[in-house]
Amino acid sequence: MVKLITRLRKQSKKLLTPIAKALSRSGVSPNVITSIGLILSMIYALVIYLTRNPLVGVLIIAISSFMDALDGEVARVLGKASPLGAFLDSSFDRLEDTFFITPLVFFDFSPFLVSILIGLSLTISYLRAKAELVGYKMEGRGIIERGERIIAIVIILIALYLNKEISIILFYVLIILSIVTVIQRFLAVIQSLKDKL
């Protein structure tokens, strides 16, 4: 799965770079694009609440995720990567994750398990942030990173449209993989810190 995501990212850059260059010439700030991604995630949650239509949700997640990928590329093209931009991007990503997962309760998924999944998602990202503060590179560590989690949510939404039972199974699988990732990252950081002693 990780290799698949890596390939998709490389292919997406071929699409993102010309768009990023066009946006950079128009004067659009990377932080504005980051903010649009967050706003779209809020719209997604509201639309799911109002319509209970998973396919519309899939479309909005796709556009929001595209904004997430585009902001970094615009910053790179402009040479404007900054601590503020990185802070906003990381913070907004956590909010977006929450907005992407929470509406599953509107499709009668267990609110308790949805809360657990949100907590696991935030913990996975938190462990990466803390690890990198102590100088340990965490990207690529763990079976399911943010990109994979978003794809999993999209697949669950599509499955909801086709077969509710399958979507529930996929939901349980996502929780299990998230638990495994938390354990993997936790142990990786502990081992890294022990090696430095």
C-alpha atoms as a PDB file:
ATOM      1  CA  MET A   1       0.000   0.000   0.000  1.00  0.00           C
ATOM      2  CA  VAL A   2       2.797   2.430   0.895  1.00  0.00           C
ATOM      3  CA  LYS A   3       4.506   1.774  -2.444  1.00  0.00           C
ATOM      4  CA  LEU A   4       1.204   2.387  -4.219  1.00  0.00           C
ATOM      5  CA  ILE A   5       0.759   5.741  -2.470  1.00  0.00           C
ATOM      6  CA  THR A   6       4.353   6.682  -3.304  1.00  0.00           C
ATOM      7  CA  ARG A   7       3.734   5.924  -6.995  1.00  0.00           C
ATOM      8  CA  LEU A   8       0.510   7.918  -6.945  1.00  0.00           C
ATOM      9  CA  ARG A   9       2.317  10.883  -5.402  1.00  0.00           C
ATOM     10  CA  LYS A  10       4.979  10.787  -8.111  1.00  0.00           C
ATOM     11  CA  GLN A  11       2.341  10.627 -10.834  1.00  0.00           C
ATOM     12  CA  SER A  12       0.293  13.387  -9.222  1.00  0.00           C
ATOM     13  CA  LYS A  13       3.254  15.755  -9.332  1.00  0.00           C
ATOM     14  CA  LYS A  14       3.055  15.684 -13.127  1.00  0.00           C
ATOM     15  CA  LEU A  15      -0.457  17.093 -12.799  1.00  0.00           C
ATOM     16  CA  LEU A  16       0.182  19.360  -9.810  1.00  0.00           C
ATOM     17  CA  THR A  17       3.293  21.154 -11.055  1.00  0.00           C
ATOM     18  CA  PRO A  18       1.730  22.950 -14.067  1.00  0.00           C
ATOM     19  CA  ILE A  19      -1.342  23.890 -11.998  1.00  0.00           C
ATOM     20  CA  ALA A  20       0.892  25.141  -9.181  1.00  0.00           C
ATOM     21  CA  LYS A  21       2.905  27.234 -11.632  1.00  0.00           C
ATOM     22  CA  ALA A  22      -0.278  28.772 -13.039  1.00  0.00           C
ATOM     23  CA  LEU A  23      -1.562  29.578  -9.551  1.00  0.00           C
ATOM     24  CA  SER A  24       1.787  31.019  -8.504  1.00  0.00           C
ATOM     25  CA  ARG A  25       1.648  33.447 -11.442  1.00  0.00           C
ATOM     26  CA  SER A  26      -1.835  34.534 -10.367  1.00  0.00           C
ATOM     27  CA  GLY A  27      -0.568  35.419  -6.905  1.00  0.00           C
ATOM     28  CA  VAL A  28      -2.540  32.831  -4.938  1.00  0.00           C
ATOM     29  CA  SER A  29      -0.922  32.157  -1.566  1.00  0.00           C
ATOM     30  CA  PRO A  30      -0.216  28.549  -0.490  1.00  0.00           C
ATOM     31  CA  ASN A  31      -1.887  29.354   2.843  1.00  0.00           C
ATOM     32  CA  VAL A  32      -5.082  30.354   1.020  1.00  0.00           C
ATOM     33  CA  ILE A  33      -5.102  26.976  -0.736  1.00  0.00           C
ATOM     34  CA  THR A  34      -4.529  25.247   2.618  1.00  0.00           C
ATOM     35  CA  SER A  35      -7.493  27.138   4.056  1.00  0.00           C
ATOM     36  CA  ILE A  36      -9.698  26.157   1.106  1.00  0.00           C
ATOM     37  CA  GLY A  37      -8.905  22.492   1.832  1.00  0.00           C
ATOM     38  CA  LEU A  38     -10.072  22.959   5.421  1.00  0.00           C
ATOM     39  CA  ILE A  39     -13.247  24.778   4.372  1.00  0.00           C
ATOM     40  CA  LEU A  40     -14.059  21.974   1.921  1.00  0.00           C
ATOM     41  CA  SER A  41     -13.696  19.391   4.696  1.00  0.00           C
ATOM     42  CA  MET A  42     -16.237  21.367   6.739  1.00  0.00           C
ATOM     43  CA  ILE A  43     -18.569  21.519   3.739  1.00  0.00           C
ATOM     44  CA  TYR A  44     -18.146  17.747   3.358  1.00  0.00           C
ATOM     45  CA  ALA A  45     -19.295  17.157   6.944  1.00  0.00           C
ATOM     46  CA  LEU A  46     -22.277  19.482   6.483  1.00  0.00           C
ATOM     47  CA  VAL A  47     -23.285  17.930   3.138  1.00  0.00           C
ATOM     48  CA  ILE A  48     -23.111  14.411   4.573  1.00  0.00           C
ATOM     49  CA  TYR A  49     -25.271  15.547   7.494  1.00  0.00           C
ATOM     50  CA  LEU A  50     -27.855  17.130   5.203  1.00  0.00           C
ATOM     51  CA  THR A  51     -27.962  14.620   2.344  1.00  0.00           C
ATOM     52  CA  ARG A  52     -26.624  11.302   3.716  1.00  0.00           C
ATOM     53  CA  ASN A  53     -25.163  10.852   0.222  1.00  0.00           C
ATOM     54  CA  PRO A  54     -21.768   9.094   0.422  1.00  0.00           C
ATOM     55  CA  LEU A  55     -20.889   9.681  -3.233  1.00  0.00           C
ATOM     56  CA  VAL A  56     -21.171  13.447  -2.865  1.00  0.00           C
ATOM     57  CA  GLY A  57     -18.888  13.066   0.137  1.00  0.00           C
ATOM     58  CA  VAL A  58     -16.356  11.196  -1.984  1.00  0.00           C
ATOM     59  CA  LEU A  59     -16.293  14.052  -4.498  1.00  0.00           C
ATOM     60  CA  ILE A  60     -15.733  16.716  -1.837  1.00  0.00           C
ATOM     61  CA  ILE A  61     -12.997  14.681  -0.108  1.00  0.00           C
ATOM     62  CA  ALA A  62     -11.249  14.300  -3.458  1.00  0.00           C
ATOM     63  CA  ILE A  63     -11.273  18.070  -4.071  1.00  0.00           C
ATOM     64  CA  SER A  64     -10.188  18.846  -0.493  1.00  0.00           C
ATOM     65  CA  SER A  65      -7.327  16.333  -0.722  1.00  0.00           C
ATOM     66  CA  PHE A  66      -6.292  17.862  -4.039  1.00  0.00           C
ATOM     67  CA  MET A  67      -6.026  21.246  -2.279  1.00  0.00           C
ATOM     68  CA  ASP A  68      -3.878  19.611   0.405  1.00  0.00           C
ATOM     69  CA  ALA A  69      -1.481  18.317  -2.226  1.00  0.00           C
ATOM     70  CA  LEU A  70      -1.532  21.551  -4.219  1.00  0.00           C
ATOM     71  CA  ASP A  71      -0.626  23.944  -1.409  1.00  0.00           C
ATOM     72  CA  GLY A  72       2.769  22.357  -0.853  1.00  0.00           C
ATOM     73  CA  GLU A  73       3.538  22.344  -4.551  1.00  0.00           C
ATOM     74  CA  VAL A  74       2.616  26.037  -4.896  1.00  0.00           C
ATOM     75  CA  ALA A  75       4.859  26.830  -1.921  1.00  0.00           C
ATOM     76  CA  ARG A  76       7.691  24.917  -3.586  1.00  0.00           C
ATOM     77  CA  VAL A  77       7.225  26.684  -6.924  1.00  0.00           C
ATOM     78  CA  LEU A  78       7.135  30.090  -5.232  1.00  0.00           C
ATOM     79  CA  GLY A  79       9.985  29.251  -2.887  1.00  0.00           C
ATOM     80  CA  LYS A  80       7.729  30.295  -0.020  1.00  0.00           C
ATOM     81  CA  ALA A  81       7.838  27.219   2.194  1.00  0.00           C
ATOM     82  CA  SER A  82       7.735  28.646   5.711  1.00  0.00           C
ATOM     83  CA  PRO A  83       7.304  27.574   9.345  1.00  0.00           C
ATOM     84  CA  LEU A  84       3.901  29.321   9.331  1.00  0.00           C
ATOM     85  CA  GLY A  85       2.799  27.406   6.249  1.00  0.00           C
ATOM     86  CA  ALA A  86       4.000  24.114   7.729  1.00  0.00           C
ATOM     87  CA  PHE A  87       2.191  24.865  10.991  1.00  0.00           C
ATOM     88  CA  LEU A  88      -1.075  25.727   9.239  1.00  0.00           C
ATOM     89  CA  ASP A  89      -0.844  22.709   6.959  1.00  0.00           C
ATOM     90  CA  SER A  90      -0.223  20.284   9.805  1.00  0.00           C
ATOM     91  CA  SER A  91      -2.871  21.819  12.075  1.00  0.00           C
ATOM     92  CA  PHE A  92      -5.518  21.985   9.360  1.00  0.00           C
ATOM     93  CA  ASP A  93      -4.763  18.376   8.363  1.00  0.00           C
ATOM     94  CA  ARG A  94      -5.736  17.254  11.864  1.00  0.00           C
ATOM     95  CA  LEU A  95      -9.002  19.200  11.684  1.00  0.00           C
ATOM     96  CA  GLU A  96      -9.713  17.808   8.221  1.00  0.00           C
ATOM     97  CA  ASP A  97      -9.129  14.252   9.450  1.00  0.00           C
ATOM     98  CA  THR A  98     -11.717  14.871  12.168  1.00  0.00           C
ATOM     99  CA  PHE A  99     -14.232  16.313   9.689  1.00  0.00           C
ATOM    100  CA  PHE A 100     -13.661  13.406   7.280  1.00  0.00           C
ATOM    101  CA  ILE A 101     -14.221  10.687   9.890  1.00  0.00           C
ATOM    102  CA  THR A 102     -16.934  12.138  12.156  1.00  0.00           C
ATOM    103  CA  PRO A 103     -19.798  12.046   9.581  1.00  0.00           C
ATOM    104  CA  LEU A 104     -19.603   8.256   9.528  1.00  0.00           C
ATOM    105  CA  VAL A 105     -21.936   8.411  12.538  1.00  0.00           C
ATOM    106  CA  PHE A 106     -24.636   9.730  10.175  1.00  0.00           C
ATOM    107  CA  PHE A 107     -24.493   6.358   8.400  1.00  0.00           C
ATOM    108  CA  ASP A 108     -25.161   4.519  11.689  1.00  0.00           C
ATOM    109  CA  PHE A 109     -21.576   3.567  12.415  1.00  0.00           C
ATOM    110  CA  SER A 110     -20.948   3.224  16.146  1.00  0.00           C
ATOM    111  CA  PRO A 111     -20.247   6.706  17.590  1.00  0.00           C
ATOM    112  CA  PHE A 112     -17.892   5.069  20.077  1.00  0.00           C
ATOM    113  CA  LEU A 113     -15.855   3.360  17.353  1.00  0.00           C
ATOM    114  CA  VAL A 114     -15.870   6.493  15.193  1.00  0.00           C
ATOM    115  CA  SER A 115     -14.454   8.382  18.197  1.00  0.00           C
ATOM    116  CA  ILE A 116     -11.802   5.690  18.614  1.00  0.00           C
ATOM    117  CA  LEU A 117     -10.840   6.016  14.950  1.00  0.00           C
ATOM    118  CA  ILE A 118     -10.527   9.798  15.262  1.00  0.00           C
ATOM    119  CA  GLY A 119      -8.332   9.364  18.332  1.00  0.00           C
ATOM    120  CA  LEU A 120      -6.122   6.826  16.568  1.00  0.00           C
ATOM    121  CA  SER A 121      -5.814   9.050  13.504  1.00  0.00           C
ATOM    122  CA  LEU A 122      -4.735  12.029  15.596  1.00  0.00           C
ATOM    123  CA  THR A 123      -2.355   9.865  17.629  1.00  0.00           C
ATOM    124  CA  ILE A 124      -0.632   8.554  14.491  1.00  0.00           C
ATOM    125  CA  SER A 125       0.041  12.122  13.374  1.00  0.00           C
ATOM    126  CA  TYR A 126       1.042  13.209  16.890  1.00  0.00           C
ATOM    127  CA  LEU A 127       3.619  10.424  17.142  1.00  0.00           C
ATOM    128  CA  ARG A 128       5.171  11.553  13.854  1.00  0.00           C
ATOM    129  CA  ALA A 129       5.348  15.171  15.054  1.00  0.00           C
ATOM    130  CA  LYS A 130       6.909  14.234  18.396  1.00  0.00           C
ATOM    131  CA  ALA A 131       9.364  11.834  16.761  1.00  0.00           C
ATOM    132  CA  GLU A 132      10.556  14.473  14.320  1.00  0.00           C
ATOM    133  CA  LEU A 133      11.060  16.908  17.213  1.00  0.00           C
ATOM    134  CA  VAL A 134      13.652  14.524  18.636  1.00  0.00           C
ATOM    135  CA  GLY A 135      15.263  14.046  15.240  1.00  0.00           C
ATOM    136  CA  TYR A 136      13.672  10.775  14.162  1.00  0.00           C
ATOM    137  CA  LYS A 137      12.272  10.575  10.639  1.00  0.00           C
ATOM    138  CA  MET A 138       8.832   8.982  10.832  1.00  0.00           C
ATOM    139  CA  GLU A 139       7.528   9.346   7.275  1.00  0.00           C
ATOM    140  CA  GLY A 140       6.855   5.913   5.787  1.00  0.00           C
ATOM    141  CA  ARG A 141       6.752   4.284   9.225  1.00  0.00           C
ATOM    142  CA  GLY A 142       3.591   2.351   9.935  1.00  0.00           C
ATOM    143  CA  ILE A 143       1.181   0.403   7.802  1.00  0.00           C
ATOM    144  CA  ILE A 144      -1.338   3.220   7.233  1.00  0.00           C
ATOM    145  CA  GLU A 145      -0.373   6.884   6.977  1.00  0.00           C
ATOM    146  CA  ARG A 146      -2.666   9.858   6.343  1.00  0.00           C
ATOM    147  CA  GLY A 147      -2.905   9.313   2.596  1.00  0.00           C
ATOM    148  CA  GLU A 148      -3.925   5.706   3.073  1.00  0.00           C
ATOM    149  CA  ARG A 149      -6.452   6.651   5.759  1.00  0.00           C
ATOM    150  CA  ILE A 150      -8.156   9.152   3.462  1.00  0.00           C
ATOM    151  CA  ILE A 151      -8.270   6.581   0.665  1.00  0.00           C
ATOM    152  CA  ALA A 152      -9.755   4.098   3.150  1.00  0.00           C
ATOM    153  CA  ILE A 153     -12.486   6.597   4.108  1.00  0.00           C
ATOM    154  CA  VAL A 154     -13.273   7.118   0.418  1.00  0.00           C
ATOM    155  CA  ILE A 155     -13.494   3.345  -0.131  1.00  0.00           C
ATOM    156  CA  ILE A 156     -15.788   3.005   2.902  1.00  0.00           C
ATOM    157  CA  LEU A 157     -18.065   5.717   1.505  1.00  0.00           C
ATOM    158  CA  ILE A 158     -18.202   4.035  -1.898  1.00  0.00           C
ATOM    159  CA  ALA A 159     -18.925   0.698  -0.219  1.00  0.00           C
ATOM    160  CA  LEU A 160     -21.740   2.365   1.727  1.00  0.00           C
ATOM    161  CA  TYR A 161     -23.421   3.169  -1.562  1.00  0.00           C
ATOM    162  CA  LEU A 162     -23.008  -0.415  -2.767  1.00  0.00           C
ATOM    163  CA  ASN A 163     -23.240  -2.623   0.310  1.00  0.00           C
ATOM    164  CA  LYS A 164     -23.514  -1.512   3.953  1.00  0.00           C
ATOM    165  CA  GLU A 165     -22.130  -4.776   5.362  1.00  0.00           C
ATOM    166  CA  ILE A 166     -18.942  -4.497   3.330  1.00  0.00           C
ATOM    167  CA  SER A 167     -18.485  -0.890   4.441  1.00  0.00           C
ATOM    168  CA  ILE A 168     -18.733  -1.956   8.086  1.00  0.00           C
ATOM    169  CA  ILE A 169     -16.083  -4.644   7.564  1.00  0.00           C
ATOM    170  CA  LEU A 170     -13.803  -2.086   5.890  1.00  0.00           C
ATOM    171  CA  PHE A 171     -14.405   0.288   8.795  1.00  0.00           C
ATOM    172  CA  TYR A 172     -13.271  -2.371  11.275  1.00  0.00           C
ATOM    173  CA  VAL A 173     -10.216  -3.107   9.130  1.00  0.00           C
ATOM    174  CA  LEU A 174      -9.298   0.592   9.153  1.00  0.00           C
ATOM    175  CA  ILE A 175      -9.509   0.688  12.941  1.00  0.00           C
ATOM    176  CA  ILE A 176      -7.309  -2.404  13.250  1.00  0.00           C
ATOM    177  CA  LEU A 177      -4.717  -1.040  10.818  1.00  0.00           C
ATOM    178  CA  SER A 178      -4.721   2.273  12.681  1.00  0.00           C
ATOM    179  CA  ILE A 179      -4.071   0.477  15.982  1.00  0.00           C
ATOM    180  CA  VAL A 180      -1.200  -1.438  14.359  1.00  0.00           C
ATOM    181  CA  THR A 181       0.258   1.816  13.025  1.00  0.00           C
ATOM    182  CA  VAL A 182       0.132   3.472  16.447  1.00  0.00           C
ATOM    183  CA  ILE A 183       1.990   0.503  17.936  1.00  0.00           C
ATOM    184  CA  GLN A 184       4.527   0.464  15.092  1.00  0.00           C
ATOM    185  CA  ARG A 185       5.313   4.153  15.448  1.00  0.00           C
ATOM    186  CA  PHE A 186       5.427   4.038  19.235  1.00  0.00           C
ATOM    187  CA  LEU A 187       7.873   1.133  19.229  1.00  0.00           C
ATOM    188  CA  ALA A 188       9.963   2.728  16.470  1.00  0.00           C
ATOM    189  CA  VAL A 189      10.410   5.934  18.477  1.00  0.00           C
ATOM    190  CA  ILE A 190      11.177   4.036  21.689  1.00  0.00           C
ATOM    191  CA  GLN A 191      13.826   1.974  19.885  1.00  0.00           C
ATOM    192  CA  SER A 192      15.334   5.057  18.286  1.00  0.00           C
ATOM    193  CA  LEU A 193      15.596   6.841  21.630  1.00  0.00           C
ATOM    194  CA  LYS A 194      17.136   3.761  23.248  1.00  0.00           C
ATOM    195  CA  ASP A 195      19.747   3.615  20.489  1.00  0.00           C
ATOM    196  CA  LYS A 196      20.781   7.186  21.290  1.00  0.00           C
ATOM    197  CA  LEU A 197      21.384   6.407  24.978  1.00  0.00           C
END
